Protein backbone atom coordinates (compact mmCIF):
# COMPACT_ATOMS: atom_id res chain seq x y z
CA UNK A 1 31.92 -7.79 67.78
CA UNK A 2 28.71 -8.62 66.20
CA UNK A 3 25.68 -6.17 66.42
CA UNK A 4 22.26 -7.66 67.00
CA UNK A 5 19.24 -6.94 64.95
CA UNK A 6 16.06 -7.15 66.86
CA UNK A 7 13.69 -9.61 65.18
CA UNK A 8 10.95 -10.29 67.80
CA UNK A 9 8.97 -12.20 65.24
CA UNK A 10 11.32 -15.13 65.46
CA UNK A 11 10.44 -15.99 68.98
CA UNK A 12 7.36 -18.09 67.96
CA UNK A 13 9.89 -20.35 66.02
CA UNK A 14 12.50 -20.10 68.82
CA UNK A 15 9.75 -21.36 71.21
CA UNK A 16 7.52 -23.48 68.87
CA UNK A 17 4.56 -21.37 69.95
CA UNK A 18 1.94 -19.58 67.82
CA UNK A 19 3.17 -21.01 64.54
CA UNK A 20 0.24 -22.58 62.80
CA UNK A 21 2.43 -25.22 61.33
CA UNK A 22 3.47 -26.76 64.69
CA UNK A 23 0.10 -26.33 66.67
CA UNK A 24 -1.13 -29.72 67.93
CA UNK A 25 2.13 -31.52 67.08
CA UNK A 26 2.39 -35.13 68.81
CA UNK A 27 5.22 -34.60 70.97
CA UNK A 28 6.45 -38.03 69.97
CA UNK A 29 7.06 -36.61 66.61
CA UNK A 30 10.08 -34.47 65.42
CA UNK A 31 9.28 -30.76 64.49
CA UNK A 32 9.52 -31.87 60.76
CA UNK A 33 7.45 -35.17 61.11
CA UNK A 34 4.94 -32.93 62.61
CA UNK A 35 4.99 -30.38 60.05
CA UNK A 36 4.71 -33.13 57.14
CA UNK A 37 1.93 -35.05 58.83
CA UNK A 38 0.02 -31.81 59.91
CA UNK A 39 -2.73 -32.21 57.25
CA UNK A 40 -2.35 -28.27 56.53
CA UNK A 41 -1.97 -27.02 52.93
CA UNK A 42 1.46 -27.25 51.57
CA UNK A 43 1.06 -23.43 50.98
CA UNK A 44 0.98 -23.21 54.56
CA UNK A 45 3.69 -25.57 55.52
CA UNK A 46 6.04 -24.47 52.60
CA UNK A 47 6.31 -28.00 51.56
CA UNK A 48 7.55 -27.95 48.04
CA UNK A 49 7.53 -31.78 47.15
CA UNK A 50 6.46 -34.83 48.73
CA UNK A 51 8.06 -38.41 47.51
CA UNK A 52 7.38 -41.63 49.11
CA UNK A 53 9.98 -41.36 51.52
CA UNK A 54 11.25 -37.77 51.65
CA UNK A 55 9.99 -34.26 51.32
CA UNK A 56 11.51 -30.78 50.74
CA UNK A 57 10.21 -27.68 52.19
CA UNK A 58 11.29 -23.81 52.74
CA UNK A 59 13.84 -23.27 55.65
CA UNK A 60 11.28 -20.84 57.76
CA UNK A 61 14.28 -18.59 58.76
CA UNK A 62 16.53 -18.63 55.65
CA UNK A 63 19.90 -17.63 54.87
CA UNK A 64 19.01 -16.11 51.70
CA UNK A 65 15.88 -16.18 49.39
CA UNK A 66 15.30 -19.93 47.98
CA UNK A 67 16.86 -21.80 50.94
CA UNK A 68 15.05 -24.89 51.15
CA UNK A 69 15.66 -28.31 52.86
CA UNK A 70 15.25 -32.06 51.78
CA UNK A 71 14.54 -34.54 54.36
CA UNK A 72 13.28 -37.95 55.28
CA UNK A 73 9.50 -38.10 56.35
CA UNK A 74 10.78 -40.46 59.36
CA UNK A 75 13.14 -38.52 61.62
CA UNK A 76 16.37 -39.78 62.15
CA UNK A 77 19.67 -38.40 63.63
CA UNK A 78 22.13 -40.03 61.53
CA UNK A 79 22.85 -40.36 57.94
CA UNK A 80 23.87 -43.89 58.27
CA UNK A 81 20.44 -44.73 60.01
CA UNK A 82 18.84 -44.55 56.62
CA UNK A 83 17.85 -47.36 54.60
CA UNK A 84 19.40 -47.41 51.16
CA UNK A 85 15.95 -46.45 49.43
CA UNK A 86 15.33 -43.41 51.67
CA UNK A 87 18.97 -42.34 51.17
CA UNK A 88 18.41 -42.40 47.14
CA UNK A 89 15.40 -40.59 47.53
CA UNK A 90 16.78 -37.85 49.94
CA UNK A 91 19.59 -37.19 47.47
CA UNK A 92 17.23 -37.20 44.40
CA UNK A 93 15.18 -34.65 46.15
CA UNK A 94 18.36 -32.53 46.59
CA UNK A 95 18.98 -32.89 43.01
CA UNK A 96 15.60 -31.48 42.25
CA UNK A 97 15.88 -28.83 44.83
CA UNK A 98 19.05 -27.71 43.26
CA UNK A 99 17.41 -27.86 39.60
CA UNK A 100 14.64 -25.79 41.12
CA UNK A 101 16.56 -23.16 42.60
CA UNK A 102 19.11 -22.91 39.70
CA UNK A 103 15.96 -22.57 37.23
CA UNK A 104 14.25 -19.83 39.18
CA UNK A 105 16.86 -18.08 40.75
CA UNK A 106 19.90 -18.30 38.34
CA UNK A 107 22.63 -18.13 41.27
CA UNK A 108 26.17 -18.04 40.66
CA UNK A 109 26.37 -21.25 42.81
CA UNK A 110 24.72 -23.41 45.26
CA UNK A 111 25.31 -24.23 48.71
CA UNK A 112 24.23 -27.71 49.69
CA UNK A 113 25.16 -29.42 52.89
CA UNK A 114 24.24 -30.96 56.43
CA UNK A 115 25.08 -30.38 60.15
CA UNK A 116 25.10 -33.55 61.57
CA UNK A 117 24.66 -33.38 65.50
CA UNK A 118 24.09 -30.19 67.64
CA UNK A 119 27.90 -29.64 68.03
CA UNK A 120 28.02 -29.11 64.15
CA UNK A 121 25.40 -26.70 64.25
CA UNK A 122 22.42 -28.69 63.74
CA UNK A 123 19.05 -26.54 64.82
CA UNK A 124 17.05 -29.69 64.90
CA UNK A 125 19.41 -32.74 65.55
CA UNK A 126 17.07 -35.28 65.80
CA UNK A 127 15.81 -35.14 62.22
CA UNK A 128 18.44 -34.72 59.59
CA UNK A 129 18.03 -32.58 56.51
CA UNK A 130 20.05 -31.21 53.93
CA UNK A 131 20.17 -27.54 53.30
CA UNK A 132 20.11 -26.16 49.49
CA UNK A 133 20.71 -22.33 49.07
CA UNK A 134 21.23 -20.32 46.12
CA UNK A 135 24.51 -18.01 46.07
CA UNK A 136 25.58 -14.90 44.03
CA UNK A 137 29.19 -13.63 43.73
CA UNK A 138 27.84 -10.58 45.22
CA UNK A 139 25.53 -11.54 48.08
CA UNK A 140 28.33 -10.70 50.47
CA UNK A 141 27.62 -6.88 50.47
CA UNK A 142 28.23 -4.17 52.76
CA UNK A 143 25.06 -5.26 54.98
CA UNK A 144 26.79 -8.64 55.38
CA UNK A 145 30.48 -7.56 55.63
CA UNK A 146 29.84 -4.46 57.92
CA UNK A 147 26.59 -4.69 59.66
CA UNK A 148 26.64 -8.62 59.75
CA UNK A 149 23.12 -8.64 58.61
CA UNK A 150 21.27 -10.40 55.86
CA UNK A 151 18.46 -8.78 53.85
CA UNK A 152 15.98 -11.02 52.24
CA UNK A 153 14.13 -9.35 49.35
CA UNK A 154 11.14 -11.70 49.25
CA UNK A 155 8.74 -13.38 51.25
CA UNK A 156 8.46 -16.94 52.10
CA UNK A 157 5.11 -17.33 50.43
CA UNK A 158 6.48 -15.72 47.12
CA UNK A 159 9.70 -18.39 47.46
CA UNK A 160 7.39 -20.99 47.82
CA UNK A 161 5.30 -19.96 44.70
CA UNK A 162 8.59 -19.68 42.82
CA UNK A 163 9.97 -22.91 43.59
CA UNK A 164 6.74 -25.12 43.96
CA UNK A 165 6.38 -23.78 40.08
CA UNK A 166 9.75 -24.43 39.29
CA UNK A 167 10.05 -28.10 40.91
CA UNK A 168 10.97 -30.82 38.49
CA UNK A 169 8.19 -33.32 37.79
CA UNK A 170 10.36 -36.26 37.10
């Protein structure tokens, strides 16, 4: 049976309340469209890169330090709904994200994936996104294995600074 670690600081994210990045979002926009169009500084929204059709940002509640997401600027539910140019830029962004993660974190591997639809585990099913996160051979330690708890050794601000500076310019 999994024990629960109290994390009251997560409730604003769950309720989309008191999160500066989501205040005043047009209800017609997806969460990610609202963040991208918020007009807030990228250091506040944790946006790492902006392309013509896609962008990358940190996962606000990461599985590990360096966990980022690449997504189209316009929310769509299905990968097959993307036009060809957006599809190509999305995966160019994924490649750049993997390059930045590898350059900055030197992981033993990288997980990359998508959860398409609520049944697959998508937390924001109306806006597809590709997860990119570094992995290390020893990242399943006693905290994860015995306590079923992850310890993140770095703040989102520090992660954003590291990955933003490591993001490829081409």
